[in-house]
């Protein structure tokens, strides 16, 4: 899963031809509760190329990305990032 700051584009790529796809999730901190919340998810698998879309990450809010394989195994969590970094 990749974040492209120019246009706030997220790409999710399934790079293994093993019959299982992946889900990439963008997370952020809720200003109301202070808890981590899922903001948007994208799936990829079963076709060529990557999938994804846009989500406007704004200002000084902390975000991370989680990539999970549909066939099991541990999910991978990115470092925390902010748009203005």
N, C-alpha and C. Protein backbone atom coordinates (compact mmCIF):
# COMPACT_ATOMS: atom_id res chain seq x y z
N UNK A 1 0.86 -1.17 0.00
CA UNK A 1 0.00 0.00 0.00
C UNK A 1 0.90 1.22 0.00
N UNK A 2 0.55 2.19 -0.85
CA UNK A 2 1.35 3.39 -1.03
C UNK A 2 0.48 4.62 -0.96
N UNK A 3 0.99 5.67 -0.32
CA UNK A 3 0.33 6.98 -0.29
C UNK A 3 1.09 7.91 -1.21
N UNK A 4 0.37 8.55 -2.13
CA UNK A 4 0.95 9.53 -3.04
C UNK A 4 0.32 10.88 -2.67
N UNK A 5 1.14 11.76 -2.10
CA UNK A 5 0.64 13.03 -1.55
C UNK A 5 0.03 13.92 -2.62
N UNK A 6 0.52 13.85 -3.85
CA UNK A 6 -0.01 14.68 -4.94
C UNK A 6 -1.39 14.15 -5.33
N UNK A 7 -2.44 14.73 -4.77
CA UNK A 7 -3.80 14.28 -5.02
C UNK A 7 -4.35 13.37 -3.95
N UNK A 8 -3.55 13.09 -2.91
CA UNK A 8 -3.96 12.19 -1.83
C UNK A 8 -4.50 10.87 -2.38
N UNK A 9 -3.66 10.18 -3.14
CA UNK A 9 -4.01 8.92 -3.79
C UNK A 9 -3.39 7.77 -3.00
N UNK A 10 -4.17 6.71 -2.81
CA UNK A 10 -3.70 5.49 -2.16
C UNK A 10 -3.76 4.35 -3.16
N UNK A 11 -2.67 3.57 -3.25
CA UNK A 11 -2.61 2.41 -4.13
C UNK A 11 -2.41 1.16 -3.30
N UNK A 12 -3.19 0.13 -3.62
CA UNK A 12 -3.09 -1.17 -2.96
C UNK A 12 -2.76 -2.18 -4.05
N UNK A 13 -1.66 -2.93 -3.86
CA UNK A 13 -1.19 -3.85 -4.88
C UNK A 13 -1.01 -5.25 -4.31
N UNK A 14 -1.67 -6.22 -4.93
CA UNK A 14 -1.46 -7.63 -4.61
C UNK A 14 -0.36 -8.13 -5.53
N UNK A 15 0.81 -8.42 -4.99
CA UNK A 15 1.96 -8.78 -5.81
C UNK A 15 2.23 -10.29 -5.84
N UNK A 16 1.39 -11.09 -5.18
CA UNK A 16 1.61 -12.54 -5.17
C UNK A 16 0.47 -13.23 -5.94
N UNK A 17 0.84 -14.07 -6.87
CA UNK A 17 -0.15 -14.85 -7.63
C UNK A 17 -0.46 -16.13 -6.86
N UNK A 18 -1.13 -15.98 -5.72
CA UNK A 18 -1.39 -17.13 -4.86
C UNK A 18 -2.88 -17.37 -4.64
N UNK A 19 -3.74 -16.67 -5.39
CA UNK A 19 -5.18 -16.86 -5.24
C UNK A 19 -5.81 -16.06 -4.11
N UNK A 20 -5.00 -15.28 -3.39
CA UNK A 20 -5.52 -14.47 -2.30
C UNK A 20 -5.27 -13.00 -2.61
N UNK A 21 -6.22 -12.16 -2.30
CA UNK A 21 -6.07 -10.73 -2.48
C UNK A 21 -5.58 -10.06 -1.22
N UNK A 22 -5.59 -8.74 -1.24
CA UNK A 22 -5.18 -7.95 -0.09
C UNK A 22 -6.19 -6.82 0.13
N UNK A 23 -6.23 -6.34 1.36
CA UNK A 23 -7.01 -5.16 1.71
C UNK A 23 -6.09 -4.16 2.38
N UNK A 24 -6.12 -2.94 1.89
CA UNK A 24 -5.38 -1.85 2.50
C UNK A 24 -6.35 -0.89 3.16
N UNK A 25 -6.06 -0.51 4.38
CA UNK A 25 -6.94 0.37 5.15
C UNK A 25 -6.18 1.58 5.63
N UNK A 26 -6.76 2.74 5.41
CA UNK A 26 -6.25 4.00 5.95
C UNK A 26 -6.91 4.23 7.30
N UNK A 27 -6.09 4.53 8.31
CA UNK A 27 -6.62 4.78 9.65
C UNK A 27 -6.21 6.16 10.13
N UNK A 28 -6.99 6.69 11.05
CA UNK A 28 -6.68 7.98 11.65
C UNK A 28 -7.16 8.01 13.09
N UNK A 29 -6.93 9.12 13.75
CA UNK A 29 -7.35 9.31 15.13
C UNK A 29 -8.65 10.11 15.15
N UNK A 30 -9.66 9.60 15.85
CA UNK A 30 -10.91 10.33 16.00
C UNK A 30 -10.71 11.50 16.95
N UNK A 31 -11.07 12.69 16.51
CA UNK A 31 -10.95 13.86 17.38
C UNK A 31 -11.98 13.84 18.51
N UNK A 32 -13.04 13.07 18.35
CA UNK A 32 -14.08 12.98 19.38
C UNK A 32 -13.71 12.01 20.49
N UNK A 33 -13.12 10.86 20.12
CA UNK A 33 -12.84 9.82 21.12
C UNK A 33 -11.36 9.62 21.40
N UNK A 34 -10.49 10.07 20.50
CA UNK A 34 -9.06 9.84 20.64
C UNK A 34 -8.64 8.43 20.26
N UNK A 35 -9.57 7.63 19.72
CA UNK A 35 -9.28 6.25 19.34
C UNK A 35 -8.95 6.17 17.85
N UNK A 36 -8.24 5.10 17.49
CA UNK A 36 -7.92 4.85 16.08
C UNK A 36 -9.18 4.35 15.38
N UNK A 37 -9.47 4.95 14.21
CA UNK A 37 -10.65 4.57 13.43
C UNK A 37 -10.24 4.28 11.99
N UNK A 38 -10.97 3.35 11.36
CA UNK A 38 -10.77 3.08 9.94
C UNK A 38 -11.47 4.17 9.14
N UNK A 39 -10.74 4.78 8.20
CA UNK A 39 -11.29 5.86 7.40
C UNK A 39 -11.74 5.41 6.02
N UNK A 40 -10.95 4.52 5.40
CA UNK A 40 -11.26 4.06 4.04
C UNK A 40 -10.47 2.80 3.78
N UNK A 41 -11.05 1.86 3.01
CA UNK A 41 -10.37 0.62 2.65
C UNK A 41 -10.47 0.38 1.15
N UNK A 42 -9.45 -0.28 0.61
CA UNK A 42 -9.43 -0.68 -0.80
C UNK A 42 -8.92 -2.10 -0.88
N UNK A 43 -9.49 -2.88 -1.80
CA UNK A 43 -9.08 -4.27 -2.03
C UNK A 43 -8.38 -4.38 -3.37
N UNK A 44 -7.46 -5.35 -3.47
CA UNK A 44 -6.84 -5.68 -4.74
C UNK A 44 -6.61 -7.18 -4.79
N UNK A 45 -6.70 -7.73 -5.97
CA UNK A 45 -6.45 -9.15 -6.18
C UNK A 45 -7.36 -9.67 -7.27
N UNK A 46 -6.87 -10.65 -8.01
CA UNK A 46 -7.68 -11.27 -9.04
C UNK A 46 -7.63 -10.57 -10.39
N UNK A 47 -6.88 -9.49 -10.49
CA UNK A 47 -6.74 -8.80 -11.77
C UNK A 47 -5.33 -8.23 -11.87
N UNK A 48 -4.99 -7.77 -13.05
CA UNK A 48 -3.67 -7.16 -13.20
C UNK A 48 -3.71 -5.73 -12.71
N UNK A 49 -2.58 -5.22 -12.29
CA UNK A 49 -2.50 -3.85 -11.81
C UNK A 49 -2.92 -3.70 -10.37
N UNK A 50 -2.94 -2.47 -9.93
CA UNK A 50 -3.28 -2.13 -8.55
C UNK A 50 -4.65 -1.48 -8.50
N UNK A 51 -5.23 -1.45 -7.32
CA UNK A 51 -6.47 -0.73 -7.08
C UNK A 51 -6.22 0.34 -6.04
N UNK A 52 -7.21 1.14 -5.76
CA UNK A 52 -7.06 2.20 -4.77
C UNK A 52 -8.00 3.34 -5.06
N UNK A 53 -7.68 4.48 -4.51
CA UNK A 53 -8.52 5.64 -4.70
C UNK A 53 -7.99 6.82 -3.92
N UNK A 54 -8.84 7.82 -3.78
CA UNK A 54 -8.47 9.06 -3.11
C UNK A 54 -9.09 9.13 -1.72
N UNK A 55 -8.37 9.78 -0.82
CA UNK A 55 -8.91 10.18 0.48
C UNK A 55 -8.12 11.40 0.92
N UNK A 56 -8.81 12.46 1.23
CA UNK A 56 -8.16 13.72 1.58
C UNK A 56 -7.66 13.67 3.02
N UNK A 57 -6.35 13.44 3.17
CA UNK A 57 -5.74 13.51 4.50
C UNK A 57 -5.34 14.96 4.73
N UNK A 58 -5.82 15.52 5.78
CA UNK A 58 -5.66 16.96 5.99
C UNK A 58 -4.74 17.28 7.14
N UNK A 59 -3.98 18.34 6.94
CA UNK A 59 -3.24 19.02 7.98
C UNK A 59 -2.36 18.18 8.86
N UNK A 60 -2.53 18.38 10.15
CA UNK A 60 -1.63 17.84 11.15
C UNK A 60 -2.15 16.56 11.79
N UNK A 61 -3.16 15.91 11.20
CA UNK A 61 -3.73 14.69 11.76
C UNK A 61 -2.84 13.49 11.47
N UNK A 62 -2.67 12.63 12.46
CA UNK A 62 -1.85 11.43 12.30
C UNK A 62 -2.66 10.33 11.61
N UNK A 63 -2.00 9.63 10.67
CA UNK A 63 -2.61 8.52 9.94
C UNK A 63 -1.61 7.37 9.87
N UNK A 64 -2.11 6.19 9.62
CA UNK A 64 -1.27 5.08 9.22
C UNK A 64 -2.05 4.21 8.24
N UNK A 65 -1.36 3.23 7.67
CA UNK A 65 -1.97 2.32 6.71
C UNK A 65 -1.73 0.90 7.18
N UNK A 66 -2.73 0.05 6.98
CA UNK A 66 -2.64 -1.35 7.36
C UNK A 66 -2.92 -2.19 6.11
N UNK A 67 -2.04 -3.14 5.81
CA UNK A 67 -2.21 -4.02 4.66
C UNK A 67 -2.36 -5.45 5.16
N UNK A 68 -3.49 -6.09 4.80
CA UNK A 68 -3.77 -7.45 5.25
C UNK A 68 -3.99 -8.37 4.06
N UNK A 69 -3.40 -9.54 4.13
CA UNK A 69 -3.56 -10.57 3.09
C UNK A 69 -4.82 -11.37 3.40
N UNK A 70 -5.65 -11.61 2.40
CA UNK A 70 -6.90 -12.34 2.61
C UNK A 70 -6.68 -13.79 3.01
N UNK A 71 -5.53 -14.36 2.70
CA UNK A 71 -5.24 -15.75 3.03
C UNK A 71 -4.73 -15.96 4.44
N UNK A 72 -4.70 -14.92 5.25
CA UNK A 72 -4.21 -15.06 6.62
C UNK A 72 -2.81 -14.51 6.79
N UNK A 73 -2.30 -14.66 7.96
CA UNK A 73 -0.98 -14.12 8.28
C UNK A 73 -1.11 -12.74 8.91
N UNK A 74 0.00 -12.25 9.44
CA UNK A 74 -0.07 -10.95 10.12
C UNK A 74 -0.24 -9.80 9.14
N UNK A 75 -0.96 -8.79 9.56
CA UNK A 75 -1.10 -7.56 8.78
C UNK A 75 0.15 -6.72 8.98
N UNK A 76 0.45 -5.89 8.02
CA UNK A 76 1.59 -4.98 8.09
C UNK A 76 1.07 -3.57 8.33
N UNK A 77 1.66 -2.86 9.28
CA UNK A 77 1.24 -1.51 9.63
C UNK A 77 2.37 -0.54 9.26
N UNK A 78 2.02 0.53 8.57
CA UNK A 78 3.01 1.53 8.17
C UNK A 78 3.40 2.40 9.36
N UNK A 79 4.39 3.22 9.12
CA UNK A 79 4.72 4.25 10.11
C UNK A 79 3.60 5.28 10.12
N UNK A 80 3.50 6.04 11.17
CA UNK A 80 2.51 7.12 11.26
C UNK A 80 3.00 8.27 10.38
N UNK A 81 2.06 8.87 9.65
CA UNK A 81 2.43 10.00 8.79
C UNK A 81 1.36 11.09 8.88
N UNK A 82 1.74 12.29 8.51
CA UNK A 82 0.84 13.44 8.43
C UNK A 82 1.02 14.07 7.06
N UNK A 83 -0.01 14.70 6.56
CA UNK A 83 0.07 15.29 5.22
C UNK A 83 1.17 16.33 5.12
N UNK A 84 1.38 17.08 6.17
CA UNK A 84 2.34 18.19 6.10
C UNK A 84 3.77 17.77 6.40
N UNK A 85 4.07 16.47 6.40
CA UNK A 85 5.45 16.00 6.63
C UNK A 85 6.19 15.85 5.34
